[in-house]
Amino acid sequence: MELDLTGIHKLAAEQGIDPETLDDALAEALRLAYLKTPHAAKHARVELDERSGNFTVWAADEIPVEPTEDNPYPVPKLGEEYDDTPRDFGRLAAATARQVITQLFRRAEDEKVFGAFSGQKGKLITGIIQQDASDPSNVHVAMGDVEAVSRCPANVTATANASACTW
């Protein structure tokens, strides 16, 4: 089966996600999607060709092992791997893959915000502080290209005492 990876690689580059991490996440997403398909093998791995966008699902069936006195519950052995790439994924499998990829992009965005603010503890920073009229307990702090939301104590207004909020 073939995927068009150029668009997702461009999005990943914009978010600061390295291609190897993206390809690993795509392979895991495809493996999880495969496991949601009917008659999927329990043991599977995905090989993804980054250049062409082709991927192959390699599955292996369990071979039962006879119990012995020493080992009454033996771990089954795995048989030969075979190509079990589905022709198309169902809706549930596609939703699973979409969820894993979306989670990767969210995690990258969270790390970007955390990285911008993590080294600033105890330091004086400049930014734009805004308070939402509909929710006065939240204060938005914009610093460069990232924004964070901080909760102020109920008795402090952000416009008068922004430094009293916990950052």
C-alpha atoms as a PDB file:
ATOM      1  CA  MET A   1       0.000   0.000   0.000  1.00  0.00           C
ATOM      2  CA  GLU A   2       1.261   3.506  -0.751  1.00  0.00           C
ATOM      3  CA  LEU A   3       1.025   6.789   1.171  1.00  0.00           C
ATOM      4  CA  ASP A   4       1.761  10.344   0.047  1.00  0.00           C
ATOM      5  CA  LEU A   5       4.190  11.488   2.737  1.00  0.00           C
ATOM      6  CA  THR A   6       5.319  14.823   1.260  1.00  0.00           C
ATOM      7  CA  GLY A   7       2.548  16.873   2.880  1.00  0.00           C
ATOM      8  CA  ILE A   8       2.928  15.348   6.324  1.00  0.00           C
ATOM      9  CA  HIS A   9       6.721  15.720   6.158  1.00  0.00           C
ATOM     10  CA  LYS A  10       6.290  19.438   5.354  1.00  0.00           C
ATOM     11  CA  LEU A  11       3.930  19.868   8.331  1.00  0.00           C
ATOM     12  CA  ALA A  12       6.368  18.029  10.575  1.00  0.00           C
ATOM     13  CA  ALA A  13       9.248  20.234   9.457  1.00  0.00           C
ATOM     14  CA  GLU A  14       7.182  23.346  10.266  1.00  0.00           C
ATOM     15  CA  GLN A  15       6.466  21.972  13.750  1.00  0.00           C
ATOM     16  CA  GLY A  16      10.107  21.079  14.347  1.00  0.00           C
ATOM     17  CA  ILE A  17       9.578  17.295  14.285  1.00  0.00           C
ATOM     18  CA  ASP A  18      12.525  15.404  12.841  1.00  0.00           C
ATOM     19  CA  PRO A  19      11.732  12.997   9.969  1.00  0.00           C
ATOM     20  CA  GLU A  20      12.901   9.898  11.864  1.00  0.00           C
ATOM     21  CA  THR A  21      10.471  10.561  14.736  1.00  0.00           C
ATOM     22  CA  LEU A  22       7.670  11.153  12.249  1.00  0.00           C
ATOM     23  CA  ASP A  23       8.408   7.933  10.366  1.00  0.00           C
ATOM     24  CA  ASP A  24       8.498   5.943  13.616  1.00  0.00           C
ATOM     25  CA  ALA A  25       5.151   7.454  14.650  1.00  0.00           C
ATOM     26  CA  LEU A  26       3.662   6.698  11.232  1.00  0.00           C
ATOM     27  CA  ALA A  27       4.853   3.092  11.425  1.00  0.00           C
ATOM     28  CA  GLU A  28       3.345   2.731  14.906  1.00  0.00           C
ATOM     29  CA  ALA A  29       0.099   4.353  13.734  1.00  0.00           C
ATOM     30  CA  LEU A  30      -0.097   1.935  10.802  1.00  0.00           C
ATOM     31  CA  ARG A  31       0.631  -1.021  13.105  1.00  0.00           C
ATOM     32  CA  LEU A  32      -2.133   0.033  15.498  1.00  0.00           C
ATOM     33  CA  ALA A  33      -4.469   0.572  12.544  1.00  0.00           C
ATOM     34  CA  TYR A  34      -3.619  -2.903  11.250  1.00  0.00           C
ATOM     35  CA  LEU A  35      -4.423  -4.443  14.650  1.00  0.00           C
ATOM     36  CA  LYS A  36      -7.926  -2.904  14.392  1.00  0.00           C
ATOM     37  CA  THR A  37      -8.624  -4.661  11.087  1.00  0.00           C
ATOM     38  CA  PRO A  38     -10.566  -7.938  11.050  1.00  0.00           C
ATOM     39  CA  HIS A  39      -8.473 -11.136  11.264  1.00  0.00           C
ATOM     40  CA  ALA A  40      -5.298  -9.239  12.163  1.00  0.00           C
ATOM     41  CA  ALA A  41      -2.415 -11.233  13.606  1.00  0.00           C
ATOM     42  CA  LYS A  42      -1.434 -10.453  17.205  1.00  0.00           C
ATOM     43  CA  HIS A  43       2.229  -9.983  16.348  1.00  0.00           C
ATOM     44  CA  ALA A  44       2.950  -7.516  13.575  1.00  0.00           C
ATOM     45  CA  ARG A  45       5.477  -4.909  12.563  1.00  0.00           C
ATOM     46  CA  VAL A  46       5.415  -2.279   9.828  1.00  0.00           C
ATOM     47  CA  GLU A  47       8.203  -1.431   7.402  1.00  0.00           C
ATOM     48  CA  LEU A  48       7.857   2.043   5.946  1.00  0.00           C
ATOM     49  CA  ASP A  49       9.826   3.226   2.921  1.00  0.00           C
ATOM     50  CA  GLU A  50      10.180   6.983   3.469  1.00  0.00           C
ATOM     51  CA  ARG A  51      11.121   7.733  -0.128  1.00  0.00           C
ATOM     52  CA  SER A  52       8.344   5.961  -1.982  1.00  0.00           C
ATOM     53  CA  GLY A  53       5.678   5.998   0.738  1.00  0.00           C
ATOM     54  CA  ASN A  54       5.158   2.228   0.487  1.00  0.00           C
ATOM     55  CA  PHE A  55       4.620   0.250   3.638  1.00  0.00           C
ATOM     56  CA  THR A  56       4.412  -3.447   4.371  1.00  0.00           C
ATOM     57  CA  VAL A  57       2.801  -5.126   7.358  1.00  0.00           C
ATOM     58  CA  TRP A  58       4.772  -8.184   8.436  1.00  0.00           C
ATOM     59  CA  ALA A  59       2.750 -10.528  10.657  1.00  0.00           C
ATOM     60  CA  ALA A  60       3.667 -13.690  12.530  1.00  0.00           C
ATOM     61  CA  ASP A  61       1.345 -16.307  13.983  1.00  0.00           C
ATOM     62  CA  GLU A  62       1.826 -17.949  17.350  1.00  0.00           C
ATOM     63  CA  ILE A  63       2.885 -21.587  17.483  1.00  0.00           C
ATOM     64  CA  PRO A  64       1.679 -23.246  20.677  1.00  0.00           C
ATOM     65  CA  VAL A  65       4.278 -24.960  22.860  1.00  0.00           C
ATOM     66  CA  GLU A  66       3.486 -28.062  24.904  1.00  0.00           C
ATOM     67  CA  PRO A  67       3.502 -27.451  28.669  1.00  0.00           C
ATOM     68  CA  THR A  68       6.039 -29.331  30.763  1.00  0.00           C
ATOM     69  CA  GLU A  69       6.402 -29.947  34.465  1.00  0.00           C
ATOM     70  CA  ASP A  70       9.052 -27.225  34.701  1.00  0.00           C
ATOM     71  CA  ASN A  71       7.023 -24.741  32.645  1.00  0.00           C
ATOM     72  CA  PRO A  72       3.256 -25.372  32.862  1.00  0.00           C
ATOM     73  CA  TYR A  73       2.418 -22.116  31.022  1.00  0.00           C
ATOM     74  CA  PRO A  74       4.982 -21.740  28.233  1.00  0.00           C
ATOM     75  CA  VAL A  75       5.198 -18.658  26.050  1.00  0.00           C
ATOM     76  CA  PRO A  76       4.161 -19.522  22.492  1.00  0.00           C
ATOM     77  CA  LYS A  77       6.805 -19.275  19.778  1.00  0.00           C
ATOM     78  CA  LEU A  78       6.380 -17.075  16.733  1.00  0.00           C
ATOM     79  CA  GLY A  79       6.192 -18.589  13.271  1.00  0.00           C
ATOM     80  CA  GLU A  80       7.574 -17.266  10.021  1.00  0.00           C
ATOM     81  CA  GLU A  81       6.728 -13.701   9.111  1.00  0.00           C
ATOM     82  CA  TYR A  82       4.448 -13.154   6.144  1.00  0.00           C
ATOM     83  CA  ASP A  83       3.160 -10.114   4.263  1.00  0.00           C
ATOM     84  CA  ASP A  84      -0.292  -9.258   5.622  1.00  0.00           C
ATOM     85  CA  THR A  85      -0.682  -5.715   4.273  1.00  0.00           C
ATOM     86  CA  PRO A  86      -4.402  -4.918   3.986  1.00  0.00           C
ATOM     87  CA  ARG A  87      -5.739  -3.542   0.718  1.00  0.00           C
ATOM     88  CA  ASP A  88      -7.458  -0.734   2.590  1.00  0.00           C
ATOM     89  CA  PHE A  89      -8.026   0.207   6.190  1.00  0.00           C
ATOM     90  CA  GLY A  90     -11.496   0.551   7.632  1.00  0.00           C
ATOM     91  CA  ARG A  91     -12.857   3.686   9.284  1.00  0.00           C
ATOM     92  CA  LEU A  92     -11.838   2.578  12.771  1.00  0.00           C
ATOM     93  CA  ALA A  93      -8.296   1.800  11.675  1.00  0.00           C
ATOM     94  CA  ALA A  94      -7.997   5.115   9.825  1.00  0.00           C
ATOM     95  CA  ALA A  95      -9.283   6.978  12.885  1.00  0.00           C
ATOM     96  CA  THR A  96      -6.684   5.220  15.051  1.00  0.00           C
ATOM     97  CA  ALA A  97      -3.867   6.248  12.697  1.00  0.00           C
ATOM     98  CA  ARG A  98      -5.172   9.833  12.569  1.00  0.00           C
ATOM     99  CA  GLN A  99      -5.300   9.959  16.380  1.00  0.00           C
ATOM    100  CA  VAL A 100      -1.687   8.789  16.776  1.00  0.00           C
ATOM    101  CA  ILE A 101      -0.422  11.326  14.229  1.00  0.00           C
ATOM    102  CA  THR A 102      -2.465  14.156  15.778  1.00  0.00           C
ATOM    103  CA  GLN A 103      -1.067  13.231  19.182  1.00  0.00           C
ATOM    104  CA  LEU A 104       2.478  13.510  17.803  1.00  0.00           C
ATOM    105  CA  PHE A 105       1.815  17.031  16.513  1.00  0.00           C
ATOM    106  CA  ARG A 106       0.186  18.085  19.805  1.00  0.00           C
ATOM    107  CA  ARG A 107       3.132  16.751  21.777  1.00  0.00           C
ATOM    108  CA  ALA A 108       5.537  18.700  19.553  1.00  0.00           C
ATOM    109  CA  GLU A 109       3.533  21.907  20.094  1.00  0.00           C
ATOM    110  CA  ASP A 110       3.441  21.328  23.873  1.00  0.00           C
ATOM    111  CA  GLU A 111       7.209  20.788  23.962  1.00  0.00           C
ATOM    112  CA  LYS A 112       7.694  23.992  21.997  1.00  0.00           C
ATOM    113  CA  VAL A 113       5.646  25.986  24.516  1.00  0.00           C
ATOM    114  CA  PHE A 114       7.276  24.269  27.490  1.00  0.00           C
ATOM    115  CA  GLY A 115      10.738  24.874  26.064  1.00  0.00           C
ATOM    116  CA  ALA A 116      10.044  28.590  25.676  1.00  0.00           C
ATOM    117  CA  PHE A 117       8.941  28.988  29.296  1.00  0.00           C
ATOM    118  CA  SER A 118      10.931  26.296  31.152  1.00  0.00           C
ATOM    119  CA  GLY A 119      14.164  28.222  31.480  1.00  0.00           C
ATOM    120  CA  GLN A 120      12.425  31.421  32.529  1.00  0.00           C
ATOM    121  CA  LYS A 121      11.580  30.508  36.114  1.00  0.00           C
ATOM    122  CA  GLY A 122      12.789  33.216  38.465  1.00  0.00           C
ATOM    123  CA  LYS A 123      13.731  35.537  35.602  1.00  0.00           C
ATOM    124  CA  LEU A 124      12.175  38.751  34.422  1.00  0.00           C
ATOM    125  CA  ILE A 125      10.572  38.259  31.034  1.00  0.00           C
ATOM    126  CA  THR A 126       8.759  40.590  28.701  1.00  0.00           C
ATOM    127  CA  GLY A 127       5.551  39.676  27.014  1.00  0.00           C
ATOM    128  CA  ILE A 128       1.950  40.627  26.523  1.00  0.00           C
ATOM    129  CA  ILE A 129      -0.405  39.799  29.365  1.00  0.00           C
ATOM    130  CA  GLN A 130      -4.114  39.602  28.594  1.00  0.00           C
ATOM    131  CA  GLN A 131      -7.076  38.661  30.701  1.00  0.00           C
ATOM    132  CA  ASP A 132     -10.294  37.328  29.258  1.00  0.00           C
ATOM    133  CA  ALA A 133     -13.369  39.226  30.442  1.00  0.00           C
ATOM    134  CA  SER A 134     -15.487  36.067  30.398  1.00  0.00           C
ATOM    135  CA  ASP A 135     -12.967  34.110  32.517  1.00  0.00           C
ATOM    136  CA  PRO A 136     -11.040  36.434  34.843  1.00  0.00           C
ATOM    137  CA  SER A 137      -9.232  33.568  36.578  1.00  0.00           C
ATOM    138  CA  ASN A 138      -7.147  32.793  33.458  1.00  0.00           C
ATOM    139  CA  VAL A 139      -4.382  35.048  32.219  1.00  0.00           C
ATOM    140  CA  HIS A 140      -2.835  34.658  28.757  1.00  0.00           C
ATOM    141  CA  VAL A 141       0.880  35.393  28.486  1.00  0.00           C
ATOM    142  CA  ALA A 142       2.273  35.813  24.975  1.00  0.00           C
ATOM    143  CA  MET A 143       6.044  35.645  24.702  1.00  0.00           C
ATOM    144  CA  GLY A 144       7.380  35.628  21.171  1.00  0.00           C
ATOM    145  CA  ASP A 145       5.586  33.047  19.075  1.00  0.00           C
ATOM    146  CA  VAL A 146       4.220  31.011  21.994  1.00  0.00           C
ATOM    147  CA  GLU A 147       1.376  31.661  24.392  1.00  0.00           C
ATOM    148  CA  ALA A 148       0.623  30.171  27.786  1.00  0.00           C
ATOM    149  CA  VAL A 149      -2.392  30.286  30.053  1.00  0.00           C
ATOM    150  CA  SER A 150      -1.869  30.791  33.775  1.00  0.00           C
ATOM    151  CA  ARG A 151      -4.424  30.672  36.537  1.00  0.00           C
ATOM    152  CA  CYS A 152      -4.479  33.673  38.883  1.00  0.00           C
ATOM    153  CA  PRO A 153      -5.740  33.494  42.452  1.00  0.00           C
ATOM    154  CA  ALA A 154      -9.374  34.539  42.795  1.00  0.00           C
ATOM    155  CA  ASN A 155      -8.575  37.711  44.722  1.00  0.00           C
ATOM    156  CA  VAL A 156      -5.957  39.053  42.243  1.00  0.00           C
ATOM    157  CA  THR A 157      -6.756  40.926  39.068  1.00  0.00           C
ATOM    158  CA  ALA A 158      -4.248  40.479  36.285  1.00  0.00           C
ATOM    159  CA  THR A 159      -4.336  44.092  35.162  1.00  0.00           C
ATOM    160  CA  ALA A 160      -3.328  45.454  38.564  1.00  0.00           C
ATOM    161  CA  ASN A 161      -1.059  42.719  39.922  1.00  0.00           C
ATOM    162  CA  ALA A 162       0.127  40.502  37.095  1.00  0.00           C
ATOM    163  CA  SER A 163       3.206  39.563  39.099  1.00  0.00           C
ATOM    164  CA  ALA A 164       1.002  37.974  41.788  1.00  0.00           C
ATOM    165  CA  CYS A 165      -0.128  35.243  39.407  1.00  0.00           C
ATOM    166  CA  THR A 166       1.694  31.923  39.524  1.00  0.00           C
ATOM    167  CA  TRP A 167       3.842  31.467  36.436  1.00  0.00           C
END
